[in-house]
Amino acid sequence: MNIKENTNMKRDTDTKDKTIKRRMKKEKELILEQLKKTPIIQLACEKTGIGRATFYRWKTKDKSFSKRAEVAIQEGSLLINDLAESQLLSSIADKNMTAIIFWLKHHHPSYETRIELRQALEKPEEKLTKRQQDIIRQALDLSLIDILPETPKGDTGGKEV
């Protein structure tokens, strides 16, 4: 292979690399725009013809793309929320009782779902039986054995008895 052929091959490789990078940049922009409209990765990938594996590979390798994808998904979610709220308000205007109840439960304190807990605060005092007292006394005696060191018989620990 001569120098001219080697130079031509290098130029062809550079051109292919640039073309691939341009196409990838265009596809990334395309999927980001789609995520702003449909914030579900699977659907956005299907609509743009980009594989999910490719999307996640880009997300892993390109931190800038990853951040932009998260922002696009958030924007898309806000758009869907606006659409859903608009439909809910239309349903309320059409006197749809389910929509009316839903709105009131989530926007009016008088209609919100409440959980009420009740407990008797006064509890009658219970006396321990003789057997229960003996069990507690035995347990305390056993627990003191582990805490206090044993002293040998006749040793008063330096104290006069």
N, C-alpha and C. Protein backbone atom coordinates (compact mmCIF):
# COMPACT_ATOMS: atom_id res chain seq x y z
N MET A 1 0.85 -1.17 0.00
CA MET A 1 0.00 0.00 0.00
C MET A 1 0.91 1.24 0.00
N ASN A 2 0.60 2.17 -0.89
CA ASN A 2 1.44 3.35 -0.95
C ASN A 2 0.85 4.47 -0.09
N ILE A 3 1.55 5.57 -0.02
CA ILE A 3 1.18 6.69 0.85
C ILE A 3 -0.15 7.30 0.41
N LYS A 4 -0.37 7.38 -0.89
CA LYS A 4 -1.61 7.97 -1.41
C LYS A 4 -2.83 7.13 -1.01
N GLU A 5 -2.74 5.82 -1.11
CA GLU A 5 -3.84 4.93 -0.72
C GLU A 5 -4.09 5.02 0.78
N ASN A 6 -3.03 5.08 1.57
CA ASN A 6 -3.14 5.18 3.02
C ASN A 6 -3.84 6.49 3.42
N THR A 7 -3.50 7.58 2.75
CA THR A 7 -4.11 8.88 3.02
C THR A 7 -5.59 8.85 2.64
N ASN A 8 -5.91 8.22 1.52
CA ASN A 8 -7.31 8.12 1.09
C ASN A 8 -8.14 7.29 2.08
N MET A 9 -7.56 6.21 2.59
CA MET A 9 -8.28 5.37 3.57
C MET A 9 -8.53 6.16 4.86
N LYS A 10 -7.53 6.91 5.28
CA LYS A 10 -7.68 7.71 6.51
C LYS A 10 -8.77 8.76 6.32
N ARG A 11 -8.80 9.39 5.15
CA ARG A 11 -9.80 10.41 4.86
C ARG A 11 -11.20 9.78 4.86
N ASP A 12 -11.32 8.59 4.25
CA ASP A 12 -12.60 7.90 4.22
C ASP A 12 -13.08 7.55 5.63
N THR A 13 -12.15 7.09 6.48
CA THR A 13 -12.49 6.74 7.86
C THR A 13 -12.93 7.98 8.63
N ASP A 14 -12.22 9.08 8.46
CA ASP A 14 -12.58 10.34 9.13
C ASP A 14 -13.96 10.81 8.69
N THR A 15 -14.24 10.69 7.40
CA THR A 15 -15.55 11.10 6.87
C THR A 15 -16.66 10.24 7.46
N LYS A 16 -16.41 8.92 7.53
CA LYS A 16 -17.42 8.02 8.11
C LYS A 16 -17.65 8.35 9.58
N ASP A 17 -16.57 8.61 10.33
CA ASP A 17 -16.71 8.95 11.74
C ASP A 17 -17.52 10.23 11.93
N LYS A 18 -17.24 11.22 11.10
CA LYS A 18 -17.98 12.49 11.18
C LYS A 18 -19.45 12.27 10.85
N THR A 19 -19.71 11.47 9.85
CA THR A 19 -21.10 11.17 9.45
C THR A 19 -21.84 10.47 10.58
N ILE A 20 -21.18 9.49 11.19
CA ILE A 20 -21.79 8.75 12.31
C ILE A 20 -22.08 9.69 13.48
N LYS A 21 -21.13 10.54 13.81
CA LYS A 21 -21.31 11.48 14.92
C LYS A 21 -22.46 12.45 14.64
N ARG A 22 -22.54 12.94 13.38
CA ARG A 22 -23.63 13.84 13.00
C ARG A 22 -24.99 13.14 13.12
N ARG A 23 -25.04 11.90 12.63
CA ARG A 23 -26.29 11.14 12.70
C ARG A 23 -26.68 10.89 14.16
N MET A 24 -25.70 10.52 14.99
CA MET A 24 -25.97 10.24 16.40
C MET A 24 -26.47 11.50 17.11
N LYS A 25 -25.85 12.64 16.80
CA LYS A 25 -26.29 13.91 17.41
C LYS A 25 -27.73 14.22 17.00
N LYS A 26 -28.04 14.00 15.74
CA LYS A 26 -29.39 14.25 15.22
C LYS A 26 -30.40 13.32 15.91
N GLU A 27 -30.03 12.04 16.06
CA GLU A 27 -30.93 11.07 16.71
C GLU A 27 -31.13 11.40 18.19
N LYS A 28 -30.07 11.86 18.85
CA LYS A 28 -30.21 12.25 20.26
C LYS A 28 -31.18 13.42 20.40
N GLU A 29 -31.04 14.40 19.52
CA GLU A 29 -31.96 15.55 19.56
C GLU A 29 -33.40 15.11 19.27
N LEU A 30 -33.53 14.19 18.34
CA LEU A 30 -34.85 13.69 17.96
C LEU A 30 -35.54 13.00 19.14
N ILE A 31 -34.80 12.15 19.85
CA ILE A 31 -35.42 11.44 20.97
C ILE A 31 -35.68 12.38 22.14
N LEU A 32 -34.83 13.39 22.34
CA LEU A 32 -35.08 14.36 23.41
C LEU A 32 -36.37 15.13 23.13
N GLU A 33 -36.58 15.51 21.88
CA GLU A 33 -37.83 16.21 21.52
C GLU A 33 -39.03 15.30 21.72
N GLN A 34 -38.88 14.03 21.38
CA GLN A 34 -39.98 13.09 21.56
C GLN A 34 -40.30 12.88 23.03
N LEU A 35 -39.27 12.81 23.89
CA LEU A 35 -39.49 12.65 25.33
C LEU A 35 -40.24 13.83 25.93
N LYS A 36 -40.08 15.00 25.34
CA LYS A 36 -40.82 16.18 25.82
C LYS A 36 -42.30 16.06 25.51
N LYS A 37 -42.63 15.27 24.48
CA LYS A 37 -44.04 15.06 24.10
C LYS A 37 -44.60 13.80 24.74
N THR A 38 -43.77 12.76 24.82
CA THR A 38 -44.18 11.46 25.37
C THR A 38 -43.10 11.02 26.35
N PRO A 39 -43.29 11.28 27.65
CA PRO A 39 -42.22 11.02 28.63
C PRO A 39 -42.07 9.56 29.04
N ILE A 40 -42.29 8.66 28.09
CA ILE A 40 -42.13 7.23 28.35
C ILE A 40 -41.06 6.74 27.38
N ILE A 41 -39.96 6.27 27.93
CA ILE A 41 -38.79 5.93 27.11
C ILE A 41 -39.12 4.91 26.02
N GLN A 42 -39.84 3.86 26.38
CA GLN A 42 -40.18 2.83 25.40
C GLN A 42 -40.94 3.44 24.21
N LEU A 43 -41.95 4.25 24.48
CA LEU A 43 -42.73 4.86 23.40
C LEU A 43 -41.90 5.84 22.58
N ALA A 44 -41.09 6.64 23.25
CA ALA A 44 -40.25 7.61 22.53
C ALA A 44 -39.26 6.88 21.61
N CYS A 45 -38.71 5.78 22.09
CA CYS A 45 -37.78 5.00 21.27
C CYS A 45 -38.50 4.42 20.05
N GLU A 46 -39.70 3.89 20.27
CA GLU A 46 -40.46 3.32 19.15
C GLU A 46 -40.79 4.39 18.11
N LYS A 47 -41.20 5.57 18.56
CA LYS A 47 -41.59 6.63 17.63
C LYS A 47 -40.41 7.19 16.84
N THR A 48 -39.22 7.14 17.43
CA THR A 48 -38.04 7.68 16.74
C THR A 48 -37.22 6.61 16.03
N GLY A 49 -37.54 5.34 16.27
CA GLY A 49 -36.79 4.25 15.64
C GLY A 49 -35.44 4.00 16.28
N ILE A 50 -35.28 4.46 17.51
CA ILE A 50 -34.01 4.26 18.24
C ILE A 50 -34.24 3.17 19.27
N GLY A 51 -33.35 2.21 19.32
CA GLY A 51 -33.49 1.10 20.26
C GLY A 51 -33.32 1.55 21.71
N ARG A 52 -34.05 0.89 22.60
CA ARG A 52 -33.93 1.22 24.02
C ARG A 52 -32.50 1.01 24.52
N ALA A 53 -31.87 -0.06 24.05
CA ALA A 53 -30.49 -0.33 24.47
C ALA A 53 -29.57 0.82 24.05
N THR A 54 -29.80 1.34 22.85
CA THR A 54 -29.00 2.48 22.37
C THR A 54 -29.24 3.70 23.25
N PHE A 55 -30.52 3.96 23.56
CA PHE A 55 -30.86 5.10 24.42
C PHE A 55 -30.13 4.99 25.76
N TYR A 56 -30.20 3.82 26.39
CA TYR A 56 -29.57 3.64 27.70
C TYR A 56 -28.04 3.67 27.60
N ARG A 57 -27.49 3.20 26.50
CA ARG A 57 -26.03 3.28 26.31
C ARG A 57 -25.61 4.74 26.21
N TRP A 58 -26.36 5.53 25.43
CA TRP A 58 -26.07 6.96 25.34
C TRP A 58 -26.16 7.61 26.71
N LYS A 59 -27.19 7.23 27.43
CA LYS A 59 -27.42 7.83 28.75
C LYS A 59 -26.26 7.50 29.70
N THR A 60 -25.73 6.30 29.60
CA THR A 60 -24.62 5.88 30.47
C THR A 60 -23.31 6.55 30.07
N LYS A 61 -23.05 6.62 28.77
CA LYS A 61 -21.76 7.12 28.30
C LYS A 61 -21.69 8.64 28.16
N ASP A 62 -22.84 9.29 27.99
CA ASP A 62 -22.86 10.74 27.73
C ASP A 62 -23.64 11.42 28.86
N LYS A 63 -22.91 11.96 29.84
CA LYS A 63 -23.55 12.58 31.01
C LYS A 63 -24.41 13.78 30.63
N SER A 64 -23.97 14.53 29.64
CA SER A 64 -24.75 15.68 29.18
C SER A 64 -26.09 15.22 28.60
N PHE A 65 -26.04 14.18 27.78
CA PHE A 65 -27.26 13.63 27.21
C PHE A 65 -28.16 13.10 28.32
N SER A 66 -27.57 12.45 29.32
CA SER A 66 -28.34 11.88 30.43
C SER A 66 -29.12 12.98 31.16
N LYS A 67 -28.44 14.09 31.44
CA LYS A 67 -29.11 15.21 32.13
C LYS A 67 -30.21 15.80 31.26
N ARG A 68 -29.92 15.97 29.98
CA ARG A 68 -30.92 16.53 29.07
C ARG A 68 -32.12 15.60 28.93
N ALA A 69 -31.88 14.29 28.96
CA ALA A 69 -32.98 13.32 28.87
C ALA A 69 -33.87 13.42 30.11
N GLU A 70 -33.26 13.55 31.28
CA GLU A 70 -34.06 13.68 32.51
C GLU A 70 -34.90 14.95 32.47
N VAL A 71 -34.33 16.05 32.01
CA VAL A 71 -35.08 17.31 31.89
C VAL A 71 -36.22 17.14 30.89
N ALA A 72 -35.95 16.49 29.77
CA ALA A 72 -36.99 16.28 28.75
C ALA A 72 -38.13 15.42 29.31
N ILE A 73 -37.80 14.39 30.09
CA ILE A 73 -38.83 13.54 30.69
C ILE A 73 -39.66 14.34 31.69
N GLN A 74 -39.02 15.20 32.46
CA GLN A 74 -39.77 16.03 33.40
C GLN A 74 -40.69 16.99 32.66
N GLU A 75 -40.19 17.62 31.61
CA GLU A 75 -41.02 18.51 30.81
C GLU A 75 -42.21 17.76 30.21
N GLY A 76 -41.95 16.57 29.71
CA GLY A 76 -43.02 15.76 29.14
C GLY A 76 -44.06 15.38 30.18
N SER A 77 -43.59 15.05 31.38
CA SER A 77 -44.53 14.70 32.46
C SER A 77 -45.41 15.89 32.82
N LEU A 78 -44.81 17.08 32.86
CA LEU A 78 -45.61 18.28 33.15
C LEU A 78 -46.65 18.52 32.05
N LEU A 79 -46.27 18.28 30.80
CA LEU A 79 -47.21 18.43 29.69
C LEU A 79 -48.38 17.46 29.85
N ILE A 80 -48.07 16.20 30.14
CA ILE A 80 -49.13 15.20 30.31
C ILE A 80 -50.03 15.56 31.50
N ASN A 81 -49.42 16.06 32.58
CA ASN A 81 -50.22 16.49 33.74
C ASN A 81 -51.18 17.60 33.34
N ASP A 82 -50.71 18.56 32.56
CA ASP A 82 -51.58 19.64 32.10
C ASP A 82 -52.72 19.10 31.24
N LEU A 83 -52.40 18.16 30.35
CA LEU A 83 -53.44 17.57 29.50
C LEU A 83 -54.48 16.83 30.35
N ALA A 84 -53.99 16.07 31.32
CA ALA A 84 -54.91 15.30 32.17
C ALA A 84 -55.79 16.23 32.98
N GLU A 85 -55.21 17.29 33.52
CA GLU A 85 -56.01 18.24 34.30
C GLU A 85 -57.04 18.93 33.41
N SER A 86 -56.66 19.23 32.19
CA SER A 86 -57.59 19.84 31.24
C SER A 86 -58.76 18.90 30.96
N GLN A 87 -58.46 17.61 30.76
CA GLN A 87 -59.52 16.62 30.53
C GLN A 87 -60.42 16.47 31.75
N LEU A 88 -59.80 16.52 32.93
CA LEU A 88 -60.57 16.42 34.16
C LEU A 88 -61.55 17.59 34.27
N LEU A 89 -61.07 18.79 33.98
CA LEU A 89 -61.94 19.97 34.04
C LEU A 89 -63.06 19.88 33.00
N SER A 90 -62.75 19.34 31.82
CA SER A 90 -63.79 19.14 30.80
C SER A 90 -64.85 18.15 31.29
N SER A 91 -64.38 17.09 31.96
CA SER A 91 -65.32 16.09 32.49
C SER A 91 -66.19 16.69 33.59
N ILE A 92 -65.63 17.57 34.40
CA ILE A 92 -66.41 18.24 35.44
C ILE A 92 -67.47 19.12 34.78
N ALA A 93 -67.08 19.82 33.73
CA ALA A 93 -68.03 20.68 33.02
C ALA A 93 -69.15 19.85 32.39
N ASP A 94 -68.85 18.59 32.02
CA ASP A 94 -69.86 17.69 31.45
C ASP A 94 -70.67 16.99 32.54
N LYS A 95 -70.50 17.40 33.80
CA LYS A 95 -71.22 16.87 34.97
C LYS A 95 -70.91 15.39 35.23
N ASN A 96 -69.66 15.00 34.97
CA ASN A 96 -69.22 13.64 35.27
C ASN A 96 -68.98 13.56 36.77
N MET A 97 -69.82 12.80 37.48
CA MET A 97 -69.78 12.76 38.94
C MET A 97 -68.45 12.21 39.47
N THR A 98 -67.88 11.22 38.78
CA THR A 98 -66.59 10.67 39.22
C THR A 98 -65.51 11.75 39.19
N ALA A 99 -65.49 12.55 38.13
CA ALA A 99 -64.51 13.63 38.01
C ALA A 99 -64.74 14.69 39.09
N ILE A 100 -65.99 14.99 39.36
CA ILE A 100 -66.33 15.98 40.39
C ILE A 100 -65.85 15.50 41.75
N ILE A 101 -66.13 14.25 42.08
CA ILE A 101 -65.70 13.69 43.37
C ILE A 101 -64.18 13.68 43.47
N PHE A 102 -63.51 13.27 42.40
CA PHE A 102 -62.05 13.23 42.40
C PHE A 102 -61.48 14.62 42.68
N TRP A 103 -62.01 15.61 41.97
CA TRP A 103 -61.50 16.98 42.16
C TRP A 103 -61.71 17.44 43.60
N LEU A 104 -62.90 17.22 44.12
CA LEU A 104 -63.18 17.68 45.48
C LEU A 104 -62.30 16.97 46.51
N LYS A 105 -62.12 15.66 46.36
CA LYS A 105 -61.30 14.90 47.32
C LYS A 105 -59.86 15.38 47.34
N HIS A 106 -59.37 15.89 46.21
CA HIS A 106 -57.97 16.28 46.12
C HIS A 106 -57.73 17.79 46.18
N HIS A 107 -58.81 18.59 46.21
CA HIS A 107 -58.62 20.04 46.21
C HIS A 107 -59.45 20.77 47.25
N HIS A 108 -60.26 20.06 48.02
CA HIS A 108 -61.11 20.73 49.01
C HIS A 108 -60.97 19.98 50.34
N PRO A 109 -60.55 20.69 51.40
CA PRO A 109 -60.28 20.01 52.67
C PRO A 109 -61.51 19.30 53.27
N SER A 110 -62.68 19.77 52.99
CA SER A 110 -63.88 19.13 53.56
C SER A 110 -64.15 17.76 52.96
N TYR A 111 -63.61 17.49 51.77
CA TYR A 111 -63.91 16.24 51.07
C TYR A 111 -62.72 15.26 51.04
N GLU A 112 -61.60 15.66 51.62
CA GLU A 112 -60.44 14.78 51.54
C GLU A 112 -60.64 13.54 52.39
N THR A 113 -59.98 12.48 51.99
CA THR A 113 -60.06 11.22 52.71
C THR A 113 -59.32 11.35 54.02
N ARG A 114 -59.97 10.94 55.11
CA ARG A 114 -59.36 11.02 56.44
C ARG A 114 -59.32 9.65 57.07
N ILE A 115 -58.32 9.46 57.87
CA ILE A 115 -58.22 8.24 58.67
C ILE A 115 -58.30 8.67 60.12
N GLU A 116 -59.22 8.07 60.84
CA GLU A 116 -59.39 8.43 62.24
C GLU A 116 -58.95 7.27 63.11
N LEU A 117 -58.07 7.55 64.05
CA LEU A 117 -57.58 6.54 64.97
C LEU A 117 -58.07 6.89 66.37
N ARG A 118 -58.58 5.90 67.06
CA ARG A 118 -59.04 6.11 68.43
C ARG A 118 -58.41 5.08 69.33
N GLN A 119 -58.09 5.53 70.54
CA GLN A 119 -57.52 4.62 71.51
C GLN A 119 -57.94 5.09 72.89
N ALA A 120 -58.29 4.13 73.71
CA ALA A 120 -58.65 4.48 75.09
C ALA A 120 -57.38 4.89 75.82
N LEU A 121 -57.40 6.07 76.42
CA LEU A 121 -56.23 6.55 77.12
C LEU A 121 -56.17 6.04 78.55
N GLU A 122 -57.30 5.79 79.12
CA GLU A 122 -57.31 5.29 80.49
C GLU A 122 -57.33 3.78 80.48
N LYS A 123 -56.39 3.21 81.18
CA LYS A 123 -56.29 1.77 81.25
C LYS A 123 -56.34 1.41 82.73
N PRO A 124 -57.19 0.50 83.12
CA PRO A 124 -57.26 0.15 84.55
C PRO A 124 -55.92 -0.43 85.01
N GLU A 125 -55.53 -0.06 86.22
CA GLU A 125 -54.28 -0.55 86.78
C GLU A 125 -54.42 -2.02 87.10
N GLU A 126 -53.47 -2.79 86.60
CA GLU A 126 -53.50 -4.23 86.84
C GLU A 126 -52.47 -4.58 87.90
N LYS A 127 -52.87 -5.38 88.87
CA LYS A 127 -51.96 -5.84 89.92
C LYS A 127 -51.30 -7.13 89.45
N LEU A 128 -50.03 -7.28 89.80
CA LEU A 128 -49.33 -8.51 89.46
C LEU A 128 -49.73 -9.60 90.45
N THR A 129 -49.83 -10.80 89.91
CA THR A 129 -50.12 -11.93 90.80
C THR A 129 -48.84 -12.29 91.56
N LYS A 130 -48.97 -13.09 92.58
CA LYS A 130 -47.81 -13.52 93.37
C LYS A 130 -46.81 -14.24 92.46
N ARG A 131 -47.31 -15.09 91.58
CA ARG A 131 -46.43 -15.83 90.65
C ARG A 131 -45.67 -14.88 89.74
N GLN A 132 -46.33 -13.85 89.18
CA GLN A 132 -45.68 -12.87 88.31
C GLN A 132 -44.60 -12.10 89.08
N GLN A 133 -44.91 -11.75 90.32
CA GLN A 133 -43.92 -11.05 91.14
C GLN A 133 -42.69 -11.91 91.37
N ASP A 134 -42.89 -13.22 91.66
CA ASP A 134 -41.78 -14.14 91.88
C ASP A 134 -40.92 -14.27 90.62
N ILE A 135 -41.55 -14.35 89.46
CA ILE A 135 -40.81 -14.47 88.19
C ILE A 135 -39.95 -13.22 87.96
N ILE A 136 -40.52 -12.06 88.20
CA ILE A 136 -39.77 -10.81 88.01
C ILE A 136 -38.60 -10.74 88.99
N ARG A 137 -38.85 -11.13 90.24
CA ARG A 137 -37.79 -11.11 91.26
C ARG A 137 -36.65 -12.05 90.85
N GLN A 138 -36.99 -13.26 90.34
CA GLN A 138 -35.97 -14.22 89.91
C GLN A 138 -35.16 -13.65 88.73
N ALA A 139 -35.86 -13.01 87.79
CA ALA A 139 -35.18 -12.43 86.63
C ALA A 139 -34.23 -11.33 87.06
N LEU A 140 -34.64 -10.51 87.99
CA LEU A 140 -33.77 -9.44 88.48
C LEU A 140 -32.56 -10.02 89.21
N ASP A 141 -32.80 -11.05 90.02
CA ASP A 141 -31.69 -11.69 90.72
C ASP A 141 -30.68 -12.26 89.72
N LEU A 142 -31.17 -12.91 88.66
CA LEU A 142 -30.28 -13.47 87.64
C LEU A 142 -29.51 -12.37 86.92
N SER A 143 -30.16 -11.27 86.64
CA SER A 143 -29.49 -10.19 85.92
C SER A 143 -28.43 -9.55 86.79
N LEU A 144 -28.62 -9.51 88.10
CA LEU A 144 -27.62 -8.92 88.99
C LEU A 144 -26.38 -9.80 89.09
N ILE A 145 -26.53 -11.10 88.89
CA ILE A 145 -25.39 -12.02 88.95
C ILE A 145 -24.39 -11.64 87.88
N ASP A 146 -24.87 -11.30 86.67
CA ASP A 146 -23.98 -10.97 85.57
C ASP A 146 -23.34 -9.59 85.76
N ILE A 147 -23.98 -8.71 86.48
CA ILE A 147 -23.48 -7.34 86.64
C ILE A 147 -22.45 -7.24 87.76
N LEU A 148 -22.79 -7.80 88.92
CA LEU A 148 -21.93 -7.67 90.09
C LEU A 148 -20.93 -8.80 90.14
N PRO A 149 -19.64 -8.49 90.38
CA PRO A 149 -18.65 -9.57 90.48
C PRO A 149 -18.87 -10.33 91.78
N GLU A 150 -18.61 -11.61 91.69
CA GLU A 150 -18.77 -12.43 92.89
C GLU A 150 -17.59 -12.16 93.83
N THR A 151 -17.89 -12.14 95.12
CA THR A 151 -16.82 -11.97 96.09
C THR A 151 -16.65 -13.29 96.82
N PRO A 152 -15.40 -13.70 97.00
CA PRO A 152 -15.16 -14.97 97.70
C PRO A 152 -15.64 -14.88 99.14
N LYS A 153 -16.01 -16.05 99.67
CA LYS A 153 -16.50 -16.09 101.06
C LYS A 153 -15.41 -15.57 101.95
N GLY A 154 -15.80 -14.78 102.93
CA GLY A 154 -14.88 -14.24 103.91
C GLY A 154 -14.25 -12.94 103.42
N ASP A 155 -14.29 -12.65 102.10
CA ASP A 155 -13.75 -11.39 101.57
C ASP A 155 -14.86 -10.37 101.60
N THR A 156 -14.66 -9.29 102.27
CA THR A 156 -15.69 -8.26 102.38
C THR A 156 -15.37 -7.07 101.48
N GLY A 157 -14.36 -7.26 100.64
CA GLY A 157 -14.02 -6.19 99.70
C GLY A 157 -13.37 -5.02 100.42
N GLY A 158 -12.69 -5.23 101.52
CA GLY A 158 -12.01 -4.16 102.22
C GLY A 158 -12.91 -3.42 103.20
N LYS A 159 -14.12 -3.91 103.34
CA LYS A 159 -15.08 -3.25 104.25
C LYS A 159 -15.27 -4.13 105.46
N GLU A 160 -15.46 -3.48 106.56
CA GLU A 160 -15.73 -4.23 107.79
C GLU A 160 -17.20 -4.57 107.86
N VAL A 161 -17.46 -5.79 108.31
CA VAL A 161 -18.82 -6.23 108.38
C VAL A 161 -19.35 -6.11 109.79
